[in-house]
Amino acid sequence: MIIEWIAYDRYKENNFFANLLCFCLEKNGDVGKKDIISLNNS
């Protein structure tokens, strides 16, 4: 999934939460929130 690649790139750049939160909420709504949780816990 594209979202996973974006999340990983931005996580490595230490912009993970700010950028991923905005992207996910715009793009995927609740699905984005679940992606944030799962990536943060991995």
N, C-alpha and C. Protein backbone atom coordinates (compact mmCIF):
# COMPACT_ATOMS: atom_id res chain seq x y z
N MET A 1 0.83 -1.21 0.00
CA MET A 1 0.00 0.00 0.00
C MET A 1 0.86 1.26 0.00
N ILE A 2 0.42 2.24 -0.73
CA ILE A 2 1.16 3.51 -0.80
C ILE A 2 1.29 4.15 0.58
N ILE A 3 0.21 4.09 1.35
CA ILE A 3 0.23 4.73 2.68
C ILE A 3 1.36 4.20 3.55
N GLU A 4 1.68 2.91 3.43
CA GLU A 4 2.74 2.33 4.24
C GLU A 4 4.10 2.89 3.85
N TRP A 5 4.34 3.07 2.55
CA TRP A 5 5.61 3.63 2.10
C TRP A 5 5.77 5.07 2.56
N ILE A 6 4.71 5.84 2.42
CA ILE A 6 4.74 7.24 2.86
C ILE A 6 5.00 7.31 4.36
N ALA A 7 4.30 6.45 5.10
CA ALA A 7 4.45 6.44 6.55
C ALA A 7 5.90 6.13 6.93
N TYR A 8 6.49 5.14 6.28
CA TYR A 8 7.85 4.74 6.63
C TYR A 8 8.86 5.83 6.29
N ASP A 9 8.73 6.44 5.12
CA ASP A 9 9.63 7.52 4.73
C ASP A 9 9.58 8.66 5.74
N ARG A 10 8.38 9.06 6.10
CA ARG A 10 8.24 10.22 6.98
C ARG A 10 8.61 9.87 8.41
N TYR A 11 8.40 8.61 8.79
CA TYR A 11 8.84 8.15 10.12
C TYR A 11 10.35 8.30 10.24
N LYS A 12 11.06 7.91 9.21
CA LYS A 12 12.52 7.99 9.23
C LYS A 12 12.98 9.45 9.27
N GLU A 13 12.17 10.34 8.78
CA GLU A 13 12.51 11.77 8.78
C GLU A 13 12.04 12.47 10.05
N ASN A 14 11.48 11.70 10.99
CA ASN A 14 11.00 12.24 12.26
C ASN A 14 9.85 13.23 12.09
N ASN A 15 9.14 13.14 11.00
CA ASN A 15 7.93 13.94 10.79
C ASN A 15 6.71 13.04 10.81
N PHE A 16 6.86 11.85 11.38
CA PHE A 16 5.87 10.79 11.28
C PHE A 16 4.48 11.24 11.68
N PHE A 17 4.31 11.68 12.91
CA PHE A 17 2.97 11.94 13.40
C PHE A 17 2.32 13.14 12.71
N ALA A 18 3.05 14.23 12.57
CA ALA A 18 2.46 15.42 11.96
C ALA A 18 2.02 15.16 10.53
N ASN A 19 2.91 14.59 9.73
CA ASN A 19 2.61 14.39 8.32
C ASN A 19 1.65 13.23 8.07
N LEU A 20 1.88 12.11 8.77
CA LEU A 20 1.04 10.95 8.54
C LEU A 20 -0.38 11.20 9.03
N LEU A 21 -0.52 11.89 10.14
CA LEU A 21 -1.85 12.19 10.66
C LEU A 21 -2.63 13.01 9.65
N CYS A 22 -2.03 14.07 9.13
CA CYS A 22 -2.72 14.91 8.16
C CYS A 22 -3.05 14.12 6.90
N PHE A 23 -2.08 13.35 6.41
CA PHE A 23 -2.29 12.59 5.18
C PHE A 23 -3.38 11.56 5.36
N CYS A 24 -3.31 10.81 6.46
CA CYS A 24 -4.27 9.72 6.67
C CYS A 24 -5.68 10.25 6.87
N LEU A 25 -5.82 11.30 7.63
CA LEU A 25 -7.15 11.81 7.91
C LEU A 25 -7.79 12.36 6.64
N GLU A 26 -6.99 12.98 5.78
CA GLU A 26 -7.52 13.48 4.52
C GLU A 26 -7.85 12.34 3.57
N LYS A 27 -6.96 11.35 3.49
CA LYS A 27 -7.02 10.34 2.45
C LYS A 27 -7.91 9.17 2.83
N ASN A 28 -7.82 8.73 4.09
CA ASN A 28 -8.42 7.46 4.47
C ASN A 28 -9.36 7.51 5.67
N GLY A 29 -9.45 8.64 6.35
CA GLY A 29 -10.34 8.73 7.50
C GLY A 29 -9.95 7.75 8.60
N ASP A 30 -10.90 6.93 9.02
CA ASP A 30 -10.67 6.00 10.13
C ASP A 30 -9.58 4.98 9.81
N VAL A 31 -9.48 4.59 8.55
CA VAL A 31 -8.45 3.64 8.16
C VAL A 31 -7.07 4.22 8.46
N GLY A 32 -6.90 5.51 8.20
CA GLY A 32 -5.64 6.17 8.48
C GLY A 32 -5.28 6.13 9.95
N LYS A 33 -6.28 6.32 10.80
CA LYS A 33 -6.02 6.29 12.24
C LYS A 33 -5.52 4.91 12.66
N LYS A 34 -6.10 3.86 12.09
CA LYS A 34 -5.68 2.51 12.42
C LYS A 34 -4.25 2.26 11.94
N ASP A 35 -3.90 2.80 10.76
CA ASP A 35 -2.55 2.64 10.25
C ASP A 35 -1.53 3.30 11.18
N ILE A 36 -1.87 4.48 11.69
CA ILE A 36 -0.97 5.18 12.61
C ILE A 36 -0.72 4.33 13.85
N ILE A 37 -1.78 3.78 14.41
CA ILE A 37 -1.66 2.98 15.62
C ILE A 37 -0.80 1.75 15.36
N SER A 38 -1.07 1.03 14.28
CA SER A 38 -0.34 -0.21 14.01
C SER A 38 1.14 0.07 13.72
N LEU A 39 1.44 1.13 13.00
CA LEU A 39 2.82 1.46 12.69
C LEU A 39 3.55 1.95 13.94
N ASN A 40 2.85 2.69 14.79
CA ASN A 40 3.47 3.20 16.01
C ASN A 40 3.79 2.08 16.98
N ASN A 41 3.00 1.03 16.97
CA ASN A 41 3.19 -0.08 17.90
C ASN A 41 4.13 -1.15 17.36
N SER A 42 4.53 -1.05 16.11
CA SER A 42 5.38 -2.09 15.53
C SER A 42 6.86 -1.83 15.83
